[in-house]
Amino acid sequence: MPTIDIEQTRKQARALLDSRIESVTTLVKTRQRITDLRVQLADAEREDKRAYVRATKDGWSPEELKKLGLESGAAARRRKPATTPPSTEGSPSSASGASATE
């Protein structure tokens, strides 16, 4: 039976682990980049909304802005409009005037 070289085995094991660590490090960096870009997008959408409101306060009508290709909110164009939930008048939660988010 051949002898096992402990140092050689350790080097091989370390090489395998290093490869695995490298791939998970790349994954973490990629996920962090996605998070950073989402934050940047949210910031840009807030700035866009403020700029749109500023334009309307400066006298531009929503119709005029739309004709210029500047519809209200980039995010609104990407998502389907939310449906209005049925009226909750008379329900126990609306009677107190408090909502679940308060």
C-alpha atoms as a PDB file:
ATOM      1  CA  MET A   1       0.000   0.000   0.000  1.00  0.00           C
ATOM      2  CA  PRO A   2       1.511   3.358  -1.001  1.00  0.00           C
ATOM      3  CA  THR A   3       2.053   5.952   1.678  1.00  0.00           C
ATOM      4  CA  ILE A   4      -0.098   9.007   1.702  1.00  0.00           C
ATOM      5  CA  ASP A   5       1.707  12.330   1.602  1.00  0.00           C
ATOM      6  CA  ILE A   6      -0.128  14.518   4.110  1.00  0.00           C
ATOM      7  CA  GLU A   7       1.281  17.772   2.770  1.00  0.00           C
ATOM      8  CA  GLN A   8       0.360  16.928  -0.813  1.00  0.00           C
ATOM      9  CA  THR A   9      -3.160  15.987   0.272  1.00  0.00           C
ATOM     10  CA  ARG A  10      -3.500  19.235   2.226  1.00  0.00           C
ATOM     11  CA  LYS A  11      -2.379  21.251  -0.823  1.00  0.00           C
ATOM     12  CA  GLN A  12      -4.918  19.499  -3.031  1.00  0.00           C
ATOM     13  CA  ALA A  13      -7.678  20.033  -0.494  1.00  0.00           C
ATOM     14  CA  ARG A  14      -6.720  23.701  -0.113  1.00  0.00           C
ATOM     15  CA  ALA A  15      -6.826  24.173  -3.908  1.00  0.00           C
ATOM     16  CA  LEU A  16     -10.329  22.695  -4.008  1.00  0.00           C
ATOM     17  CA  LEU A  17     -11.495  24.910  -1.156  1.00  0.00           C
ATOM     18  CA  ASP A  18      -9.898  28.015  -2.683  1.00  0.00           C
ATOM     19  CA  SER A  19     -11.810  27.396  -5.899  1.00  0.00           C
ATOM     20  CA  ARG A  20     -15.079  27.082  -3.983  1.00  0.00           C
ATOM     21  CA  ILE A  21     -14.331  30.201  -1.936  1.00  0.00           C
ATOM     22  CA  GLU A  22     -13.577  32.120  -5.133  1.00  0.00           C
ATOM     23  CA  SER A  23     -16.922  31.181  -6.692  1.00  0.00           C
ATOM     24  CA  VAL A  24     -18.922  32.151  -3.608  1.00  0.00           C
ATOM     25  CA  THR A  25     -16.955  35.414  -3.358  1.00  0.00           C
ATOM     26  CA  THR A  26     -17.929  36.216  -6.945  1.00  0.00           C
ATOM     27  CA  LEU A  27     -21.557  35.408  -6.105  1.00  0.00           C
ATOM     28  CA  VAL A  28     -21.512  37.747  -3.086  1.00  0.00           C
ATOM     29  CA  LYS A  29     -19.964  40.568  -5.147  1.00  0.00           C
ATOM     30  CA  THR A  30     -22.603  40.115  -7.852  1.00  0.00           C
ATOM     31  CA  ARG A  31     -25.458  40.126  -5.330  1.00  0.00           C
ATOM     32  CA  GLN A  32     -24.056  43.265  -3.691  1.00  0.00           C
ATOM     33  CA  ARG A  33     -23.862  44.962  -7.085  1.00  0.00           C
ATOM     34  CA  ILE A  34     -27.537  44.129  -7.669  1.00  0.00           C
ATOM     35  CA  THR A  35     -28.427  45.618  -4.279  1.00  0.00           C
ATOM     36  CA  ASP A  36     -26.415  48.759  -5.018  1.00  0.00           C
ATOM     37  CA  LEU A  37     -28.072  49.172  -8.425  1.00  0.00           C
ATOM     38  CA  ARG A  38     -31.540  48.760  -6.884  1.00  0.00           C
ATOM     39  CA  VAL A  39     -30.734  51.543  -4.415  1.00  0.00           C
ATOM     40  CA  GLN A  40     -29.490  53.740  -7.264  1.00  0.00           C
ATOM     41  CA  LEU A  41     -32.655  53.010  -9.266  1.00  0.00           C
ATOM     42  CA  ALA A  42     -34.880  53.887  -6.309  1.00  0.00           C
ATOM     43  CA  ASP A  43     -32.961  57.158  -5.855  1.00  0.00           C
ATOM     44  CA  ALA A  44     -33.277  57.966  -9.566  1.00  0.00           C
ATOM     45  CA  GLU A  45     -37.020  57.241  -9.512  1.00  0.00           C
ATOM     46  CA  ARG A  46     -37.479  59.590  -6.537  1.00  0.00           C
ATOM     47  CA  GLU A  47     -35.520  62.304  -8.374  1.00  0.00           C
ATOM     48  CA  ASP A  48     -37.635  61.696 -11.489  1.00  0.00           C
ATOM     49  CA  LYS A  49     -40.841  62.122  -9.504  1.00  0.00           C
ATOM     50  CA  ARG A  50     -39.587  65.369  -7.943  1.00  0.00           C
ATOM     51  CA  ALA A  51     -38.530  66.700 -11.352  1.00  0.00           C
ATOM     52  CA  TYR A  52     -41.928  65.820 -12.841  1.00  0.00           C
ATOM     53  CA  VAL A  53     -43.751  67.597 -10.010  1.00  0.00           C
ATOM     54  CA  ARG A  54     -41.429  70.583 -10.426  1.00  0.00           C
ATOM     55  CA  ALA A  55     -42.219  70.700 -14.167  1.00  0.00           C
ATOM     56  CA  THR A  56     -45.962  70.656 -13.490  1.00  0.00           C
ATOM     57  CA  LYS A  57     -45.583  73.419 -10.889  1.00  0.00           C
ATOM     58  CA  ASP A  58     -43.676  75.432 -13.498  1.00  0.00           C
ATOM     59  CA  GLY A  59     -46.735  75.321 -15.721  1.00  0.00           C
ATOM     60  CA  TRP A  60     -46.334  72.177 -17.822  1.00  0.00           C
ATOM     61  CA  SER A  61     -49.530  70.162 -18.024  1.00  0.00           C
ATOM     62  CA  PRO A  62     -49.422  66.351 -17.826  1.00  0.00           C
ATOM     63  CA  GLU A  63     -50.775  66.294 -21.401  1.00  0.00           C
ATOM     64  CA  GLU A  64     -47.973  68.549 -22.657  1.00  0.00           C
ATOM     65  CA  LEU A  65     -45.333  66.474 -20.913  1.00  0.00           C
ATOM     66  CA  LYS A  66     -46.835  63.308 -22.359  1.00  0.00           C
ATOM     67  CA  LYS A  67     -46.655  64.796 -25.868  1.00  0.00           C
ATOM     68  CA  LEU A  68     -42.951  65.387 -25.202  1.00  0.00           C
ATOM     69  CA  GLY A  69     -42.530  61.735 -24.227  1.00  0.00           C
ATOM     70  CA  LEU A  70     -42.323  62.560 -20.541  1.00  0.00           C
ATOM     71  CA  GLU A  71     -45.128  60.562 -19.009  1.00  0.00           C
ATOM     72  CA  SER A  72     -45.587  60.620 -15.265  1.00  0.00           C
ATOM     73  CA  GLY A  73     -43.045  58.363 -13.586  1.00  0.00           C
ATOM     74  CA  ALA A  74     -40.791  55.784 -15.239  1.00  0.00           C
ATOM     75  CA  ALA A  75     -41.809  53.205 -12.646  1.00  0.00           C
ATOM     76  CA  ALA A  76     -45.486  53.621 -13.466  1.00  0.00           C
ATOM     77  CA  ARG A  77     -44.797  52.745 -17.099  1.00  0.00           C
ATOM     78  CA  ARG A  78     -43.125  49.465 -16.098  1.00  0.00           C
ATOM     79  CA  ARG A  79     -45.817  48.202 -13.731  1.00  0.00           C
ATOM     80  CA  LYS A  80     -49.458  47.489 -14.269  1.00  0.00           C
ATOM     81  CA  PRO A  81     -51.681  49.966 -12.444  1.00  0.00           C
ATOM     82  CA  ALA A  82     -52.832  48.740  -9.077  1.00  0.00           C
ATOM     83  CA  THR A  83     -56.458  47.771  -8.860  1.00  0.00           C
ATOM     84  CA  THR A  84     -58.544  49.679  -6.354  1.00  0.00           C
ATOM     85  CA  PRO A  85     -59.655  47.376  -3.546  1.00  0.00           C
ATOM     86  CA  PRO A  86     -63.366  47.304  -2.735  1.00  0.00           C
ATOM     87  CA  SER A  87     -64.566  49.761  -0.131  1.00  0.00           C
ATOM     88  CA  THR A  88     -63.972  48.598   3.428  1.00  0.00           C
ATOM     89  CA  GLU A  89     -66.557  50.875   5.022  1.00  0.00           C
ATOM     90  CA  GLY A  90     -68.377  49.100   7.785  1.00  0.00           C
ATOM     91  CA  SER A  91     -65.609  46.566   8.333  1.00  0.00           C
ATOM     92  CA  PRO A  92     -64.290  46.231  11.901  1.00  0.00           C
ATOM     93  CA  SER A  93     -60.810  47.512  10.971  1.00  0.00           C
ATOM     94  CA  SER A  94     -62.126  50.670   9.259  1.00  0.00           C
ATOM     95  CA  ALA A  95     -64.532  51.489  12.092  1.00  0.00           C
ATOM     96  CA  SER A  96     -61.650  52.360  14.415  1.00  0.00           C
ATOM     97  CA  GLY A  97     -59.942  54.465  11.746  1.00  0.00           C
ATOM     98  CA  ALA A  98     -56.681  52.592  12.212  1.00  0.00           C
ATOM     99  CA  SER A  99     -55.004  50.646   9.478  1.00  0.00           C
ATOM    100  CA  ALA A 100     -52.709  47.654   9.678  1.00  0.00           C
ATOM    101  CA  THR A 101     -49.725  49.862   8.815  1.00  0.00           C
ATOM    102  CA  GLU A 102     -50.166  52.257  11.707  1.00  0.00           C
END
